[in-house]
Amino acid sequence: MHLRKNVLLIGQILAQVSADQRERMTMSVERLNQSGDRIKESRRTMLETEELGVSILEDLHQQRQTLLHAHNKVLHLIFFSLKWTIFFVILVNDPLIQCVHKYNRSNEFF
């Protein structure tokens, strides 16, 4: 009888060990699934961030092109204005033009 009791006790212990192992394995699988879900969510976030970064870089490139175009226009206008300013300074200081201007002033009726 004692032997039978020991065999039953050993059987119960083995059943308990198997139940503990099954429970640990179930918990491990659950944690593994949760980790996989977190990895998928992290990957989704990474892809969204990458798309946003690409969009921002495209916007910045467009803004840079706009600024360069505006810069070139301003330089062109400055050059054009400077060219005409130099022309008029030379024109006003030209002795022939000064002579004509004096002549016109001397013929004024006022």
C-alpha atoms as a PDB file:
ATOM      1  CA  MET A   1       0.000   0.000   0.000  1.00  0.00           C
ATOM      2  CA  HIS A   2       2.810   2.313   0.767  1.00  0.00           C
ATOM      3  CA  LEU A   3       4.268   1.756  -2.696  1.00  0.00           C
ATOM      4  CA  ARG A   4       0.942   2.507  -4.322  1.00  0.00           C
ATOM      5  CA  LYS A   5       0.650   5.721  -2.331  1.00  0.00           C
ATOM      6  CA  ASN A   6       4.145   6.756  -3.453  1.00  0.00           C
ATOM      7  CA  VAL A   7       3.315   6.045  -7.098  1.00  0.00           C
ATOM      8  CA  LEU A   8       0.138   8.132  -6.838  1.00  0.00           C
ATOM      9  CA  LEU A   9       2.087  10.925  -5.151  1.00  0.00           C
ATOM     10  CA  ILE A  10       4.744  10.823  -7.869  1.00  0.00           C
ATOM     11  CA  GLY A  11       1.980  10.917 -10.504  1.00  0.00           C
ATOM     12  CA  GLN A  12       0.417  13.964  -8.857  1.00  0.00           C
ATOM     13  CA  ILE A  13       3.802  15.683  -8.663  1.00  0.00           C
ATOM     14  CA  LEU A  14       4.474  14.951 -12.364  1.00  0.00           C
ATOM     15  CA  ALA A  15       1.000  16.205 -13.280  1.00  0.00           C
ATOM     16  CA  GLN A  16       1.649  19.366 -11.276  1.00  0.00           C
ATOM     17  CA  VAL A  17       5.070  19.857 -12.950  1.00  0.00           C
ATOM     18  CA  SER A  18       3.471  19.404 -16.365  1.00  0.00           C
ATOM     19  CA  ALA A  19       0.723  21.878 -15.465  1.00  0.00           C
ATOM     20  CA  ASP A  20       3.356  24.401 -14.289  1.00  0.00           C
ATOM     21  CA  GLN A  21       5.357  23.856 -17.468  1.00  0.00           C
ATOM     22  CA  ARG A  22       2.226  24.320 -19.588  1.00  0.00           C
ATOM     23  CA  GLU A  23       1.372  27.494 -17.708  1.00  0.00           C
ATOM     24  CA  ARG A  24       4.924  28.847 -18.116  1.00  0.00           C
ATOM     25  CA  MET A  25       4.889  27.943 -21.790  1.00  0.00           C
ATOM     26  CA  THR A  26       1.510  29.632 -22.249  1.00  0.00           C
ATOM     27  CA  MET A  27       2.817  32.770 -20.535  1.00  0.00           C
ATOM     28  CA  SER A  28       5.963  32.690 -22.676  1.00  0.00           C
ATOM     29  CA  VAL A  29       3.908  32.389 -25.864  1.00  0.00           C
ATOM     30  CA  GLU A  30       1.702  35.252 -24.689  1.00  0.00           C
ATOM     31  CA  ARG A  31       4.743  37.464 -23.990  1.00  0.00           C
ATOM     32  CA  LEU A  32       6.212  36.497 -27.363  1.00  0.00           C
ATOM     33  CA  ASN A  33       2.969  37.492 -29.103  1.00  0.00           C
ATOM     34  CA  GLN A  34       2.892  40.805 -27.225  1.00  0.00           C
ATOM     35  CA  SER A  35       6.513  41.459 -28.210  1.00  0.00           C
ATOM     36  CA  GLY A  36       5.651  40.706 -31.828  1.00  0.00           C
ATOM     37  CA  ASP A  37       2.726  43.154 -31.655  1.00  0.00           C
ATOM     38  CA  ARG A  38       4.996  45.850 -30.201  1.00  0.00           C
ATOM     39  CA  ILE A  39       7.529  45.225 -32.970  1.00  0.00           C
ATOM     40  CA  LYS A  40       4.786  45.551 -35.615  1.00  0.00           C
ATOM     41  CA  GLU A  41       3.556  48.805 -34.028  1.00  0.00           C
ATOM     42  CA  SER A  42       7.121  50.148 -33.830  1.00  0.00           C
ATOM     43  CA  ARG A  43       7.683  49.297 -37.492  1.00  0.00           C
ATOM     44  CA  ARG A  44       4.434  51.052 -38.459  1.00  0.00           C
ATOM     45  CA  THR A  45       5.502  54.138 -36.477  1.00  0.00           C
ATOM     46  CA  MET A  46       8.946  54.040 -38.099  1.00  0.00           C
ATOM     47  CA  LEU A  47       7.428  53.911 -41.599  1.00  0.00           C
ATOM     48  CA  GLU A  48       5.057  56.803 -40.819  1.00  0.00           C
ATOM     49  CA  THR A  49       7.989  58.830 -39.458  1.00  0.00           C
ATOM     50  CA  GLU A  50      10.026  58.065 -42.565  1.00  0.00           C
ATOM     51  CA  GLU A  51       7.154  59.185 -44.823  1.00  0.00           C
ATOM     52  CA  LEU A  52       6.811  62.393 -42.826  1.00  0.00           C
ATOM     53  CA  GLY A  53      10.566  62.995 -43.067  1.00  0.00           C
ATOM     54  CA  VAL A  54      10.502  62.520 -46.847  1.00  0.00           C
ATOM     55  CA  SER A  55       7.565  64.929 -47.120  1.00  0.00           C
ATOM     56  CA  ILE A  56       9.381  67.541 -45.010  1.00  0.00           C
ATOM     57  CA  LEU A  57      12.533  67.193 -47.144  1.00  0.00           C
ATOM     58  CA  GLU A  58      10.492  67.647 -50.322  1.00  0.00           C
ATOM     59  CA  ASP A  59       8.857  70.782 -48.867  1.00  0.00           C
ATOM     60  CA  LEU A  60      12.237  72.163 -47.826  1.00  0.00           C
ATOM     61  CA  HIS A  61      13.632  71.500 -51.310  1.00  0.00           C
ATOM     62  CA  GLN A  62      10.703  73.363 -52.875  1.00  0.00           C
ATOM     63  CA  GLN A  63      11.156  76.281 -50.465  1.00  0.00           C
ATOM     64  CA  ARG A  64      14.869  76.372 -51.281  1.00  0.00           C
ATOM     65  CA  GLN A  65      14.102  76.524 -54.999  1.00  0.00           C
ATOM     66  CA  THR A  66      11.614  79.351 -54.396  1.00  0.00           C
ATOM     67  CA  LEU A  67      14.166  81.298 -52.350  1.00  0.00           C
ATOM     68  CA  LEU A  68      16.891  80.800 -54.957  1.00  0.00           C
ATOM     69  CA  HIS A  69      14.539  82.000 -57.694  1.00  0.00           C
ATOM     70  CA  ALA A  70      13.598  85.090 -55.652  1.00  0.00           C
ATOM     71  CA  HIS A  71      17.285  85.724 -54.870  1.00  0.00           C
ATOM     72  CA  ASN A  72      18.159  85.601 -58.574  1.00  0.00           C
ATOM     73  CA  LYS A  73      15.326  88.012 -59.390  1.00  0.00           C
ATOM     74  CA  VAL A  74      16.521  90.470 -56.747  1.00  0.00           C
ATOM     75  CA  LEU A  75      20.105  90.257 -58.028  1.00  0.00           C
ATOM     76  CA  HIS A  76      18.881  90.878 -61.557  1.00  0.00           C
ATOM     77  CA  LEU A  77      16.874  93.928 -60.435  1.00  0.00           C
ATOM     78  CA  ILE A  78      19.820  95.295 -58.455  1.00  0.00           C
ATOM     79  CA  PHE A  79      22.126  94.853 -61.447  1.00  0.00           C
ATOM     80  CA  PHE A  80      19.562  96.461 -63.778  1.00  0.00           C
ATOM     81  CA  SER A  81      19.067  99.433 -61.402  1.00  0.00           C
ATOM     82  CA  LEU A  82      22.794  99.864 -60.927  1.00  0.00           C
ATOM     83  CA  LYS A  83      23.367  99.825 -64.675  1.00  0.00           C
ATOM     84  CA  TRP A  84      20.763 102.574 -65.232  1.00  0.00           C
ATOM     85  CA  THR A  85      22.053 104.601 -62.290  1.00  0.00           C
ATOM     86  CA  ILE A  86      25.569 104.546 -63.734  1.00  0.00           C
ATOM     87  CA  PHE A  87      24.173 105.504 -67.140  1.00  0.00           C
ATOM     88  CA  PHE A  88      22.325 108.517 -65.724  1.00  0.00           C
ATOM     89  CA  VAL A  89      25.307 109.616 -63.617  1.00  0.00           C
ATOM     90  CA  ILE A  90      27.477 109.550 -66.724  1.00  0.00           C
ATOM     91  CA  LEU A  91      24.778 111.265 -68.738  1.00  0.00           C
ATOM     92  CA  VAL A  92      24.293 114.063 -66.217  1.00  0.00           C
ATOM     93  CA  ASN A  93      28.025 114.652 -65.923  1.00  0.00           C
ATOM     94  CA  ASP A  94      28.607 114.638 -69.673  1.00  0.00           C
ATOM     95  CA  PRO A  95      29.880 118.110 -70.742  1.00  0.00           C
ATOM     96  CA  LEU A  96      27.835 118.086 -73.916  1.00  0.00           C
ATOM     97  CA  ILE A  97      24.644 117.358 -72.003  1.00  0.00           C
ATOM     98  CA  GLN A  98      25.504 120.125 -69.510  1.00  0.00           C
ATOM     99  CA  CYS A  99      26.038 122.539 -72.371  1.00  0.00           C
ATOM    100  CA  VAL A 100      22.664 121.657 -73.915  1.00  0.00           C
ATOM    101  CA  HIS A 101      21.031 121.979 -70.532  1.00  0.00           C
ATOM    102  CA  LYS A 102      22.539 125.471 -70.030  1.00  0.00           C
ATOM    103  CA  TYR A 103      21.430 126.480 -73.488  1.00  0.00           C
ATOM    104  CA  ASN A 104      17.881 125.359 -72.797  1.00  0.00           C
ATOM    105  CA  ARG A 105      17.844 127.242 -69.516  1.00  0.00           C
ATOM    106  CA  SER A 106      19.063 130.407 -71.148  1.00  0.00           C
ATOM    107  CA  ASN A 107      16.213 130.262 -73.678  1.00  0.00           C
ATOM    108  CA  GLU A 108      13.540 129.906 -71.069  1.00  0.00           C
ATOM    109  CA  PHE A 109      10.934 132.592 -70.976  1.00  0.00           C
ATOM    110  CA  PHE A 110      10.410 132.517 -67.248  1.00  0.00           C
END
